[in-house]
Amino acid sequence: MVSQKQHLSDQPLLRSHILDAARSIVVRHGFDALSMRKLAEVVGYSPASLYLHFSGRDAIAHALGAEGHARLLAALHSYDFVEDDTERLRSMGHAYVEFGLKHPEMYRLIFMQNVGYTEAIFNDAAASGETALSLLADALAFSSQAPAAAETLWTALHGIVSLSLTAAKHLVTPTDVLIDATIELYLSGVRKKPVRLPPRPRAA
């Protein structure tokens, strides 16, 4: 009787098959469970076959992270139709956090797993013209402090996601309330007169 592995090995191995299997492993068991050997077992090929498509585990992580970031951008873009700037910003803030909480392993891979992965993902995204940060900056275009305000808001939204994933039992305020309060705080701040920050000391 032909085993499932032998049967699969008779089929052409596609990059998409590898990514589908890798995504399944990461979502079910976390990124630490992903290895080329484990992946080869799942797709029914030898580890050597995987290296014809990816140089290694890091390359697969990069591809999965880029895919996840694209899905995050799509979630933020789903509110492009909202004409009111503040309402669009609120909706995007909720969408950002909801993405992280609904896809925790993917969010960790993009932002929390490895600084090298995050850097590569964002470099690719910036080269294509869009990142989560740039979309938040666009939504804050009404503010003269848009770049700084967007970075500050992004770090706050990321904080809500990361603490919800790693220390949820210590958060007593419902997530939706946290998001609304955070965005209200930013909206009240960006409408005020910009604060002049002291210059950074120059390196010796």
Foldseek 3Di string as FASTA:
>chain_A
DQDPLNVLVVDDDDPVLLLVLQLVCCQVPNLVRDFLCVSCVVSSHHSVSVCVPAVTSLRSLLVLLLVLQVVLVVLLCVLVPPPDLLVSLLSNLVSNLVSCVVRVRSVCSCPPPDPVSVVSSVVVQVVVPDGSLVSQLVSVVVFPCSNVLSVVLVVQSVVLSVCCVPPVVPDPDDSSVSSVVSSVVSVVVRVDDDDDDDDDDDDD
